């Protein structure tokens, strides 16, 4: 895995902002009443995160250390304003749904955290991939929460009815209203974090089992090699003993023949 792929993997899986680091919980719990809201918020944050990381990385040697945080906020706020105008102009329904949480991207701890801990210390390309990985991880987390809440809370997915609702004359799905309310966000987040931890533990256990099996195979090979070596040494000793016995027998026969010749 090269360093660029590692930055993507780090943000999406290893250090997912939503499911691992628990960052940006305010928009995570507030806007994920539907999958489209979660996706829109995640992609908006990703765009700001990538662009701000690029600019901050380019200016990292110019920005004075004493005013770095205000400078970071100015850069982030500029891109948030651009994203806000674009959403308002081209996706007004999503803009209305996200509401105040779009300008609040400015103080999102994910963006300021990556600017401070990574973009201000690394190259432009690495900062780009770091922002993209973290942004996609944030988007994945929000969209997953939104999907679960929307299906359980209304029987819909991305605004389309996928579960027929129950009526007075026919059976069907009865929406679980709590999942589109505030407590539902906590329940779904807790369930997804638990699932993610379970998968991670199973994966780590599998890796440990594979390592142990590999070590055991190495030990077995070493024991087999030692046994073969000991068998060869034993066979060599036995062959040497047989050769020595044969030589001693031959010497006795020669001495006997000499004695008989002398007597004659």
C-alpha atoms as a PDB file:
ATOM      1  CA  UNK A   1       0.000   0.000   0.000  1.00  0.00           C
ATOM      2  CA  UNK A   2       1.591   3.306  -1.086  1.00  0.00           C
ATOM      3  CA  UNK A   3       1.357   6.476   0.986  1.00  0.00           C
ATOM      4  CA  UNK A   4      -1.513   7.925  -1.069  1.00  0.00           C
ATOM      5  CA  UNK A   5      -3.670   4.816  -0.832  1.00  0.00           C
ATOM      6  CA  UNK A   6      -2.806   4.662   2.869  1.00  0.00           C
ATOM      7  CA  UNK A   7      -4.267   8.161   3.380  1.00  0.00           C
ATOM      8  CA  UNK A   8      -7.534   7.076   1.746  1.00  0.00           C
ATOM      9  CA  UNK A   9      -7.676   3.842   3.762  1.00  0.00           C
ATOM     10  CA  UNK A  10      -6.877   5.752   6.937  1.00  0.00           C
ATOM     11  CA  UNK A  11      -9.777   8.161   6.505  1.00  0.00           C
ATOM     12  CA  UNK A  12     -12.383   5.709   5.235  1.00  0.00           C
ATOM     13  CA  UNK A  13     -11.651   2.681   7.435  1.00  0.00           C
ATOM     14  CA  UNK A  14      -8.895   2.947  10.043  1.00  0.00           C
ATOM     15  CA  UNK A  15      -9.658   6.420  11.445  1.00  0.00           C
ATOM     16  CA  UNK A  16     -13.168   7.030  10.140  1.00  0.00           C
ATOM     17  CA  UNK A  17     -14.221  10.407  11.600  1.00  0.00           C
ATOM     18  CA  UNK A  18     -17.766   9.257  12.389  1.00  0.00           C
ATOM     19  CA  UNK A  19     -17.494   5.615  13.410  1.00  0.00           C
ATOM     20  CA  UNK A  20     -14.000   5.571  14.955  1.00  0.00           C
ATOM     21  CA  UNK A  21     -12.992   9.066  16.095  1.00  0.00           C
ATOM     22  CA  UNK A  22     -16.536  10.297  16.847  1.00  0.00           C
ATOM     23  CA  UNK A  23     -15.856  13.725  15.314  1.00  0.00           C
ATOM     24  CA  UNK A  24     -18.432  16.080  13.849  1.00  0.00           C
ATOM     25  CA  UNK A  25     -21.262  14.636  15.942  1.00  0.00           C
ATOM     26  CA  UNK A  26     -23.454  17.747  15.679  1.00  0.00           C
ATOM     27  CA  UNK A  27     -24.228  17.416  11.926  1.00  0.00           C
ATOM     28  CA  UNK A  28     -23.997  13.639  12.180  1.00  0.00           C
ATOM     29  CA  UNK A  29     -26.915  13.423  14.591  1.00  0.00           C
ATOM     30  CA  UNK A  30     -28.888  16.399  13.295  1.00  0.00           C
ATOM     31  CA  UNK A  31     -29.044  16.085   9.494  1.00  0.00           C
ATOM     32  CA  UNK A  32     -29.114  12.305   8.994  1.00  0.00           C
ATOM     33  CA  UNK A  33     -32.903  11.992   9.048  1.00  0.00           C
ATOM     34  CA  UNK A  34     -32.590  10.840   5.423  1.00  0.00           C
ATOM     35  CA  UNK A  35     -29.886   9.318   3.222  1.00  0.00           C
ATOM     36  CA  UNK A  36     -29.861  12.275   0.806  1.00  0.00           C
ATOM     37  CA  UNK A  37     -29.259  14.708   3.676  1.00  0.00           C
ATOM     38  CA  UNK A  38     -26.373  12.602   4.977  1.00  0.00           C
ATOM     39  CA  UNK A  39     -24.874  12.276   1.493  1.00  0.00           C
ATOM     40  CA  UNK A  40     -25.262  15.996   0.775  1.00  0.00           C
ATOM     41  CA  UNK A  41     -23.728  17.050   4.085  1.00  0.00           C
ATOM     42  CA  UNK A  42     -20.880  14.570   3.677  1.00  0.00           C
ATOM     43  CA  UNK A  43     -20.008  15.654   0.130  1.00  0.00           C
ATOM     44  CA  UNK A  44     -20.214  19.351   1.077  1.00  0.00           C
ATOM     45  CA  UNK A  45     -17.814  18.752   3.958  1.00  0.00           C
ATOM     46  CA  UNK A  46     -15.542  16.683   1.700  1.00  0.00           C
ATOM     47  CA  UNK A  47     -15.314  19.485  -0.860  1.00  0.00           C
ATOM     48  CA  UNK A  48     -14.421  22.037   1.824  1.00  0.00           C
ATOM     49  CA  UNK A  49     -11.978  19.629   3.483  1.00  0.00           C
ATOM     50  CA  UNK A  50     -10.102  18.815   0.262  1.00  0.00           C
ATOM     51  CA  UNK A  51      -9.889  22.412  -0.960  1.00  0.00           C
ATOM     52  CA  UNK A  52      -8.890  23.853   2.417  1.00  0.00           C
ATOM     53  CA  UNK A  53      -6.236  21.149   2.892  1.00  0.00           C
ATOM     54  CA  UNK A  54      -4.743  22.004  -0.508  1.00  0.00           C
ATOM     55  CA  UNK A  55      -4.601  25.755   0.150  1.00  0.00           C
ATOM     56  CA  UNK A  56      -3.338  25.407   3.730  1.00  0.00           C
ATOM     57  CA  UNK A  57      -0.628  22.984   2.587  1.00  0.00           C
ATOM     58  CA  UNK A  58       0.432  25.443  -0.139  1.00  0.00           C
ATOM     59  CA  UNK A  59       0.623  28.294   2.387  1.00  0.00           C
ATOM     60  CA  UNK A  60       2.071  26.290   5.296  1.00  0.00           C
ATOM     61  CA  UNK A  61       5.480  27.980   5.056  1.00  0.00           C
ATOM     62  CA  UNK A  62       3.978  31.462   4.669  1.00  0.00           C
ATOM     63  CA  UNK A  63       1.338  31.540   7.414  1.00  0.00           C
ATOM     64  CA  UNK A  64       2.910  32.783  10.687  1.00  0.00           C
ATOM     65  CA  UNK A  65       2.682  30.248  13.484  1.00  0.00           C
ATOM     66  CA  UNK A  66       1.039  32.698  15.906  1.00  0.00           C
ATOM     67  CA  UNK A  67      -1.964  33.320  13.631  1.00  0.00           C
ATOM     68  CA  UNK A  68      -2.259  29.911  11.995  1.00  0.00           C
ATOM     69  CA  UNK A  69      -5.690  29.042  13.487  1.00  0.00           C
ATOM     70  CA  UNK A  70      -7.361  32.342  12.410  1.00  0.00           C
ATOM     71  CA  UNK A  71      -5.755  31.890   8.986  1.00  0.00           C
ATOM     72  CA  UNK A  72      -7.104  28.349   8.750  1.00  0.00           C
ATOM     73  CA  UNK A  73     -10.596  29.565   9.662  1.00  0.00           C
ATOM     74  CA  UNK A  74     -10.460  32.280   6.976  1.00  0.00           C
ATOM     75  CA  UNK A  75      -9.494  29.699   4.327  1.00  0.00           C
ATOM     76  CA  UNK A  76     -12.182  27.244   5.454  1.00  0.00           C
ATOM     77  CA  UNK A  77     -14.856  29.968   5.687  1.00  0.00           C
ATOM     78  CA  UNK A  78     -14.100  31.077   2.130  1.00  0.00           C
ATOM     79  CA  UNK A  79     -14.717  27.605   0.720  1.00  0.00           C
ATOM     80  CA  UNK A  80     -17.789  27.078   2.924  1.00  0.00           C
ATOM     81  CA  UNK A  81     -19.289  30.272   1.481  1.00  0.00           C
ATOM     82  CA  UNK A  82     -18.646  29.036  -2.066  1.00  0.00           C
ATOM     83  CA  UNK A  83     -20.242  25.645  -1.308  1.00  0.00           C
ATOM     84  CA  UNK A  84     -23.193  27.355   0.390  1.00  0.00           C
ATOM     85  CA  UNK A  85     -23.880  29.543  -2.668  1.00  0.00           C
ATOM     86  CA  UNK A  86     -23.578  26.569  -5.016  1.00  0.00           C
ATOM     87  CA  UNK A  87     -26.059  24.518  -2.970  1.00  0.00           C
ATOM     88  CA  UNK A  88     -28.433  27.465  -2.709  1.00  0.00           C
ATOM     89  CA  UNK A  89     -28.277  28.048  -6.458  1.00  0.00           C
ATOM     90  CA  UNK A  90     -28.310  24.489  -7.822  1.00  0.00           C
ATOM     91  CA  UNK A  91     -29.778  22.268  -5.064  1.00  0.00           C
ATOM     92  CA  UNK A  92     -32.157  24.535  -3.136  1.00  0.00           C
ATOM     93  CA  UNK A  93     -34.118  21.655  -1.605  1.00  0.00           C
ATOM     94  CA  UNK A  94     -30.962  20.177  -0.083  1.00  0.00           C
ATOM     95  CA  UNK A  95     -29.848  23.647   0.989  1.00  0.00           C
ATOM     96  CA  UNK A  96     -33.131  24.120   2.856  1.00  0.00           C
ATOM     97  CA  UNK A  97     -32.859  20.670   4.479  1.00  0.00           C
ATOM     98  CA  UNK A  98     -29.311  21.206   5.752  1.00  0.00           C
ATOM     99  CA  UNK A  99     -30.029  24.761   6.864  1.00  0.00           C
ATOM    100  CA  UNK A 100     -27.703  26.201   9.514  1.00  0.00           C
ATOM    101  CA  UNK A 101     -25.409  23.179   9.417  1.00  0.00           C
ATOM    102  CA  UNK A 102     -23.839  24.297   6.123  1.00  0.00           C
ATOM    103  CA  UNK A 103     -22.226  27.478   7.555  1.00  0.00           C
ATOM    104  CA  UNK A 104     -21.331  25.493  10.676  1.00  0.00           C
ATOM    105  CA  UNK A 105     -18.904  23.480   8.521  1.00  0.00           C
ATOM    106  CA  UNK A 106     -16.501  26.349   9.232  1.00  0.00           C
ATOM    107  CA  UNK A 107     -16.033  25.164  12.807  1.00  0.00           C
ATOM    108  CA  UNK A 108     -16.269  21.452  12.090  1.00  0.00           C
ATOM    109  CA  UNK A 109     -13.550  19.832  14.190  1.00  0.00           C
ATOM    110  CA  UNK A 110     -12.678  17.409  11.370  1.00  0.00           C
ATOM    111  CA  UNK A 111     -11.665  20.224   9.014  1.00  0.00           C
ATOM    112  CA  UNK A 112      -9.737  22.289  11.559  1.00  0.00           C
ATOM    113  CA  UNK A 113      -8.195  19.138  13.022  1.00  0.00           C
ATOM    114  CA  UNK A 114      -6.844  17.916   9.665  1.00  0.00           C
ATOM    115  CA  UNK A 115      -5.630  21.420   8.812  1.00  0.00           C
ATOM    116  CA  UNK A 116      -3.709  21.670  12.085  1.00  0.00           C
ATOM    117  CA  UNK A 117      -2.412  18.103  12.376  1.00  0.00           C
ATOM    118  CA  UNK A 118      -1.763  17.190   8.719  1.00  0.00           C
ATOM    119  CA  UNK A 119      -2.169  19.809   5.979  1.00  0.00           C
ATOM    120  CA  UNK A 120       0.047  22.358   7.742  1.00  0.00           C
ATOM    121  CA  UNK A 121       2.865  19.801   7.965  1.00  0.00           C
ATOM    122  CA  UNK A 122       2.718  17.839   4.681  1.00  0.00           C
ATOM    123  CA  UNK A 123       2.854  18.269   0.904  1.00  0.00           C
ATOM    124  CA  UNK A 124      -0.079  19.378  -1.242  1.00  0.00           C
ATOM    125  CA  UNK A 125      -0.724  15.973  -2.831  1.00  0.00           C
ATOM    126  CA  UNK A 126      -0.627  14.098   0.476  1.00  0.00           C
ATOM    127  CA  UNK A 127      -2.905  16.723   2.044  1.00  0.00           C
ATOM    128  CA  UNK A 128      -5.325  16.325  -0.871  1.00  0.00           C
ATOM    129  CA  UNK A 129      -5.537  12.558  -0.370  1.00  0.00           C
ATOM    130  CA  UNK A 130      -5.821  12.985   3.392  1.00  0.00           C
ATOM    131  CA  UNK A 131      -8.733  15.392   2.979  1.00  0.00           C
ATOM    132  CA  UNK A 132     -10.370  13.119   0.396  1.00  0.00           C
ATOM    133  CA  UNK A 133     -10.030  10.060   2.640  1.00  0.00           C
ATOM    134  CA  UNK A 134     -11.390  11.815   5.723  1.00  0.00           C
ATOM    135  CA  UNK A 135     -14.185  13.419   3.719  1.00  0.00           C
ATOM    136  CA  UNK A 136     -15.254  10.136   2.126  1.00  0.00           C
ATOM    137  CA  UNK A 137     -15.132   8.450   5.535  1.00  0.00           C
ATOM    138  CA  UNK A 138     -17.359  11.194   6.967  1.00  0.00           C
ATOM    139  CA  UNK A 139     -19.709  10.891   3.977  1.00  0.00           C
ATOM    140  CA  UNK A 140     -19.868   7.123   4.339  1.00  0.00           C
ATOM    141  CA  UNK A 141     -20.731   7.386   8.032  1.00  0.00           C
ATOM    142  CA  UNK A 142     -23.449  10.021   7.548  1.00  0.00           C
ATOM    143  CA  UNK A 143     -24.981   8.237   4.568  1.00  0.00           C
ATOM    144  CA  UNK A 144     -25.079   4.898   6.398  1.00  0.00           C
ATOM    145  CA  UNK A 145     -26.817   6.474   9.388  1.00  0.00           C
ATOM    146  CA  UNK A 146     -29.241   8.300   7.084  1.00  0.00           C
ATOM    147  CA  UNK A 147     -30.084   5.110   5.167  1.00  0.00           C
ATOM    148  CA  UNK A 148     -30.929   3.168   8.323  1.00  0.00           C
ATOM    149  CA  UNK A 149     -32.952   6.015   9.841  1.00  0.00           C
ATOM    150  CA  UNK A 150     -34.859   6.704   6.639  1.00  0.00           C
ATOM    151  CA  UNK A 151     -35.772   3.051   6.014  1.00  0.00           C
ATOM    152  CA  UNK A 152     -36.856   2.363   9.596  1.00  0.00           C
ATOM    153  CA  UNK A 153     -38.439   5.761  10.149  1.00  0.00           C
ATOM    154  CA  UNK A 154     -40.439   6.110   6.924  1.00  0.00           C
ATOM    155  CA  UNK A 155     -39.874   3.041   4.754  1.00  0.00           C
ATOM    156  CA  UNK A 156     -38.103   5.185   2.146  1.00  0.00           C
ATOM    157  CA  UNK A 157     -34.626   5.300   0.616  1.00  0.00           C
ATOM    158  CA  UNK A 158     -33.344   8.500  -1.014  1.00  0.00           C
ATOM    159  CA  UNK A 159     -36.929   9.770  -1.008  1.00  0.00           C
ATOM    160  CA  UNK A 160     -38.396   6.741  -2.769  1.00  0.00           C
ATOM    161  CA  UNK A 161     -40.923   4.532  -0.973  1.00  0.00           C
ATOM    162  CA  UNK A 162     -39.420   1.020  -0.872  1.00  0.00           C
ATOM    163  CA  UNK A 163     -41.600  -0.484   1.871  1.00  0.00           C
ATOM    164  CA  UNK A 164     -45.379  -0.307   1.306  1.00  0.00           C
ATOM    165  CA  UNK A 165     -47.035   1.427   4.225  1.00  0.00           C
ATOM    166  CA  UNK A 166     -49.818  -0.186   6.207  1.00  0.00           C
ATOM    167  CA  UNK A 167     -53.339   1.143   5.606  1.00  0.00           C
ATOM    168  CA  UNK A 168     -56.780   0.510   7.070  1.00  0.00           C
ATOM    169  CA  UNK A 169     -57.487  -2.086   4.377  1.00  0.00           C
ATOM    170  CA  UNK A 170     -54.091  -3.716   3.841  1.00  0.00           C
ATOM    171  CA  UNK A 171     -51.106  -4.822   5.874  1.00  0.00           C
ATOM    172  CA  UNK A 172     -47.739  -3.207   5.360  1.00  0.00           C
ATOM    173  CA  UNK A 173     -44.806  -1.486   7.001  1.00  0.00           C
ATOM    174  CA  UNK A 174     -45.485   0.654  10.048  1.00  0.00           C
ATOM    175  CA  UNK A 175     -42.853   3.421  10.344  1.00  0.00           C
ATOM    176  CA  UNK A 176     -40.858   3.465  13.575  1.00  0.00           C
ATOM    177  CA  UNK A 177     -41.120   7.197  14.176  1.00  0.00           C
ATOM    178  CA  UNK A 178     -38.393   7.320  16.831  1.00  0.00           C
ATOM    179  CA  UNK A 179     -35.747   6.719  14.161  1.00  0.00           C
ATOM    180  CA  UNK A 180     -36.441  10.034  12.469  1.00  0.00           C
ATOM    181  CA  UNK A 181     -36.361  11.801  15.837  1.00  0.00           C
ATOM    182  CA  UNK A 182     -33.246  12.787  17.797  1.00  0.00           C
ATOM    183  CA  UNK A 183     -32.996   9.579  19.908  1.00  0.00           C
ATOM    184  CA  UNK A 184     -33.022   7.471  16.735  1.00  0.00           C
ATOM    185  CA  UNK A 185     -29.734   9.018  15.648  1.00  0.00           C
ATOM    186  CA  UNK A 186     -28.049   7.835  18.854  1.00  0.00           C
ATOM    187  CA  UNK A 187     -29.475   4.327  18.506  1.00  0.00           C
ATOM    188  CA  UNK A 188     -28.343   3.958  14.889  1.00  0.00           C
ATOM    189  CA  UNK A 189     -24.906   5.466  15.561  1.00  0.00           C
ATOM    190  CA  UNK A 190     -24.391   3.107  18.512  1.00  0.00           C
ATOM    191  CA  UNK A 191     -25.453   0.092  16.422  1.00  0.00           C
ATOM    192  CA  UNK A 192     -23.146   1.013  13.518  1.00  0.00           C
ATOM    193  CA  UNK A 193     -20.188   1.647  15.843  1.00  0.00           C
ATOM    194  CA  UNK A 194     -20.807  -1.713  17.543  1.00  0.00           C
ATOM    195  CA  UNK A 195     -20.983  -3.438  14.139  1.00  0.00           C
ATOM    196  CA  UNK A 196     -17.796  -1.724  12.998  1.00  0.00           C
ATOM    197  CA  UNK A 197     -15.982  -2.756  16.195  1.00  0.00           C
ATOM    198  CA  UNK A 198     -17.248  -6.337  15.851  1.00  0.00           C
ATOM    199  CA  UNK A 199     -15.963  -6.567  12.264  1.00  0.00           C
ATOM    200  CA  UNK A 200     -12.630  -5.010  13.274  1.00  0.00           C
ATOM    201  CA  UNK A 201     -12.191  -7.445  16.182  1.00  0.00           C
ATOM    202  CA  UNK A 202     -13.064 -10.419  13.966  1.00  0.00           C
ATOM    203  CA  UNK A 203     -10.603  -9.194  11.346  1.00  0.00           C
ATOM    204  CA  UNK A 204      -7.853  -8.737  13.933  1.00  0.00           C
ATOM    205  CA  UNK A 205      -8.581 -12.186  15.402  1.00  0.00           C
ATOM    206  CA  UNK A 206      -8.356 -13.649  11.913  1.00  0.00           C
ATOM    207  CA  UNK A 207      -5.023 -11.933  11.341  1.00  0.00           C
ATOM    208  CA  UNK A 208      -3.720 -13.184  14.695  1.00  0.00           C
ATOM    209  CA  UNK A 209      -4.872 -16.725  13.894  1.00  0.00           C
ATOM    210  CA  UNK A 210      -3.162 -16.539  10.505  1.00  0.00           C
ATOM    211  CA  UNK A 211       0.071 -15.298  12.119  1.00  0.00           C
ATOM    212  CA  UNK A 212      -0.049 -18.054  14.748  1.00  0.00           C
ATOM    213  CA  UNK A 213      -0.716 -20.665  12.058  1.00  0.00           C
ATOM    214  CA  UNK A 214       2.196 -19.330  10.013  1.00  0.00           C
ATOM    215  CA  UNK A 215       4.507 -19.430  13.038  1.00  0.00           C
ATOM    216  CA  UNK A 216       3.371 -22.965  13.863  1.00  0.00           C
ATOM    217  CA  UNK A 217       4.042 -24.019  10.265  1.00  0.00           C
ATOM    218  CA  UNK A 218       7.543 -22.527  10.520  1.00  0.00           C
ATOM    219  CA  UNK A 219       8.143 -24.381  13.794  1.00  0.00           C
ATOM    220  CA  UNK A 220       6.906 -27.622  12.229  1.00  0.00           C
ATOM    221  CA  UNK A 221       9.228 -27.125   9.252  1.00  0.00           C
ATOM    222  CA  UNK A 222      12.155 -26.427  11.583  1.00  0.00           C
ATOM    223  CA  UNK A 223      11.337 -29.510  13.677  1.00  0.00           C
ATOM    224  CA  UNK A 224      11.084 -31.608  10.508  1.00  0.00           C
ATOM    225  CA  UNK A 225      14.414 -30.245   9.262  1.00  0.00           C
ATOM    226  CA  UNK A 226      16.038 -30.985  12.640  1.00  0.00           C
ATOM    227  CA  UNK A 227      14.613 -34.522  12.609  1.00  0.00           C
ATOM    228  CA  UNK A 228      15.899 -35.115   9.063  1.00  0.00           C
ATOM    229  CA  UNK A 229      19.301 -33.728  10.074  1.00  0.00           C
ATOM    230  CA  UNK A 230      19.434 -35.971  13.157  1.00  0.00           C
ATOM    231  CA  UNK A 231      18.405 -38.978  11.031  1.00  0.00           C
ATOM    232  CA  UNK A 232      21.155 -38.223   8.508  1.00  0.00           C
ATOM    233  CA  UNK A 233      23.731 -37.884  11.311  1.00  0.00           C
ATOM    234  CA  UNK A 234      22.558 -41.172  12.843  1.00  0.00           C
ATOM    235  CA  UNK A 235      22.691 -42.883   9.451  1.00  0.00           C
ATOM    236  CA  UNK A 236      26.200 -41.503   8.878  1.00  0.00           C
ATOM    237  CA  UNK A 237      27.328 -42.773  12.304  1.00  0.00           C
ATOM    238  CA  UNK A 238      25.818 -46.182  11.606  1.00  0.00           C
ATOM    239  CA  UNK A 239      27.478 -46.338   8.190  1.00  0.00           C
ATOM    240  CA  UNK A 240      30.816 -45.322   9.729  1.00  0.00           C
ATOM    241  CA  UNK A 241      30.466 -47.981  12.449  1.00  0.00           C
ATOM    242  CA  UNK A 242      29.631 -50.652   9.859  1.00  0.00           C
ATOM    243  CA  UNK A 243      32.581 -49.573   7.745  1.00  0.00           C
ATOM    244  CA  UNK A 244      34.884 -49.715  10.768  1.00  0.00           C
ATOM    245  CA  UNK A 245      33.582 -53.164  11.711  1.00  0.00           C
ATOM    246  CA  UNK A 246      34.105 -54.366   8.160  1.00  0.00           C
ATOM    247  CA  UNK A 247      37.659 -53.002   8.152  1.00  0.00           C
ATOM    248  CA  UNK A 248      38.413 -54.672  11.501  1.00  0.00           C
ATOM    249  CA  UNK A 249      37.028 -57.973  10.195  1.00  0.00           C
ATOM    250  CA  UNK A 250      39.126 -57.672   7.058  1.00  0.00           C
ATOM    251  CA  UNK A 251      42.246 -56.934   9.144  1.00  0.00           C
ATOM    252  CA  UNK A 252      41.624 -60.025  11.289  1.00  0.00           C
ATOM    253  CA  UNK A 253      41.230 -62.161   8.176  1.00  0.00           C
ATOM    254  CA  UNK A 254      44.511 -60.812   6.779  1.00  0.00           C
ATOM    255  CA  UNK A 255      46.349 -61.473  10.062  1.00  0.00           C
ATOM    256  CA  UNK A 256      44.952 -65.020  10.127  1.00  0.00           C
ATOM    257  CA  UNK A 257      46.144 -65.686   6.609  1.00  0.00           C
ATOM    258  CA  UNK A 258      49.637 -64.383   7.487  1.00  0.00           C
ATOM    259  CA  UNK A 259      49.866 -66.632  10.524  1.00  0.00           C
ATOM    260  CA  UNK A 260      48.849 -69.676   8.508  1.00  0.00           C
ATOM    261  CA  UNK A 261      51.423 -68.815   5.852  1.00  0.00           C
ATOM    262  CA  UNK A 262      54.151 -68.503   8.501  1.00  0.00           C
ATOM    263  CA  UNK A 263      53.318 -71.860  10.040  1.00  0.00           C
ATOM    264  CA  UNK A 264      53.658 -73.539   6.673  1.00  0.00           C
END
